[in-house]
Every structure is written in structure tokens, then in C-alpha cells.
Amino acid sequence: MSVIHIKNMVCSRCIESVENIFKKQSIEIKNIKLGQVIADEISKDKMLLLESNLQQKGFQTVSYTHL
């Protein structure tokens, strides 16, 4: 599993937006809350694309940790 901390997630609409980005990349979310997503393992290539997609929506990846 992976834990991703995301800056600028401040409301329920932000959670929906981030959730949609993960779904479009076929990354299964295990848990999501403001500022944090726990998801299945994410490859380096998918993570780079995910970071780019998040930035396009005004979010920023703060940290990424494998569990």
C-alpha cells in the first residue's frame, strides 16, 4: 500500500476531485480523507502522472510512502 499526503485538500469537493483523478488512473483507494490518500501500490510512472494530474487541479503531493 501507499500513503500519499496531498496539499490543498480542504473540503469534501476536493476529496471528490482527488478520488476522480485516482479512478481515471485505475488506482484503487483504500481510504481517503482531507490531505491523505491510502491506496494500492503505485509504480513510479503512475506516480509521476498522478502528481501531474493533481497539479492540474491545484493540488500538490507533499509526501509519498510505501507501507
Protein backbone atom coordinates (compact mmCIF):
# COMPACT_ATOMS: atom_id res chain seq x y z
CA MET A 1 0.00 0.00 0.00
CA SER A 2 0.95 3.62 -0.46
CA VAL A 3 0.25 6.71 1.63
CA ILE A 4 0.15 10.00 -0.27
CA HIS A 5 -0.13 13.32 1.57
CA ILE A 6 -1.70 16.00 -0.61
CA LYS A 7 -1.64 19.75 -0.04
CA ASN A 8 -4.71 21.94 -0.73
CA MET A 9 -7.34 19.27 0.03
CA VAL A 10 -9.59 21.45 2.18
CA CYS A 11 -13.18 20.32 1.60
CA SER A 12 -15.41 17.44 0.53
CA ARG A 13 -15.33 18.60 -3.11
CA CYS A 14 -11.53 18.33 -3.00
CA ILE A 15 -11.87 14.73 -1.84
CA GLU A 16 -14.21 14.02 -4.79
CA SER A 17 -11.80 15.66 -7.23
CA VAL A 18 -8.80 13.70 -5.94
CA GLU A 19 -10.86 10.49 -5.92
CA ASN A 20 -11.76 11.03 -9.59
CA ILE A 21 -8.09 11.54 -10.52
CA PHE A 22 -7.17 8.23 -8.87
CA LYS A 23 -10.10 6.44 -10.55
CA LYS A 24 -9.11 7.75 -14.00
CA GLN A 25 -5.68 6.18 -13.46
CA SER A 26 -7.21 2.91 -12.18
CA ILE A 27 -5.58 3.30 -8.76
CA GLU A 28 -7.72 1.73 -6.04
CA ILE A 29 -8.19 3.92 -2.98
CA LYS A 30 -8.33 2.12 0.36
CA ASN A 31 -9.03 5.25 2.43
CA ILE A 32 -9.26 8.96 1.69
CA LYS A 33 -9.54 11.96 3.98
CA LEU A 34 -8.54 15.60 3.82
CA GLY A 35 -4.85 15.73 2.95
CA GLN A 36 -4.25 11.99 2.76
CA VAL A 37 -4.92 9.05 0.47
CA ILE A 38 -4.13 5.41 1.22
CA ALA A 39 -4.11 3.41 -1.99
CA ASP A 40 -2.78 0.27 -3.63
CA GLU A 41 0.89 0.24 -4.56
CA ILE A 42 1.71 2.87 -7.22
CA SER A 43 4.52 2.50 -9.74
CA LYS A 44 6.97 5.36 -10.37
CA ASP A 45 5.47 6.04 -13.80
CA LYS A 46 1.92 6.15 -12.43
CA MET A 47 3.06 8.37 -9.56
CA LEU A 48 4.59 10.90 -11.97
CA LEU A 49 1.35 11.02 -13.96
CA LEU A 50 -0.69 11.23 -10.75
CA GLU A 51 1.38 14.19 -9.50
CA SER A 52 0.90 15.96 -12.83
CA ASN A 53 -2.87 15.37 -12.80
CA LEU A 54 -3.15 16.55 -9.19
CA GLN A 55 -1.20 19.73 -10.00
CA GLN A 56 -3.54 20.49 -12.90
CA LYS A 57 -6.40 20.57 -10.38
CA GLY A 58 -4.49 22.75 -7.88
CA PHE A 59 -3.20 20.03 -5.55
CA GLN A 60 0.37 19.22 -4.60
CA THR A 61 1.91 15.95 -3.44
CA VAL A 62 3.71 16.58 -0.14
CA SER A 63 4.95 13.05 0.54
CA TYR A 64 4.64 9.51 -0.77
CA THR A 65 5.35 6.48 1.41
CA HIS A 66 5.15 2.73 0.77
CA LEU A 67 3.73 0.69 3.65
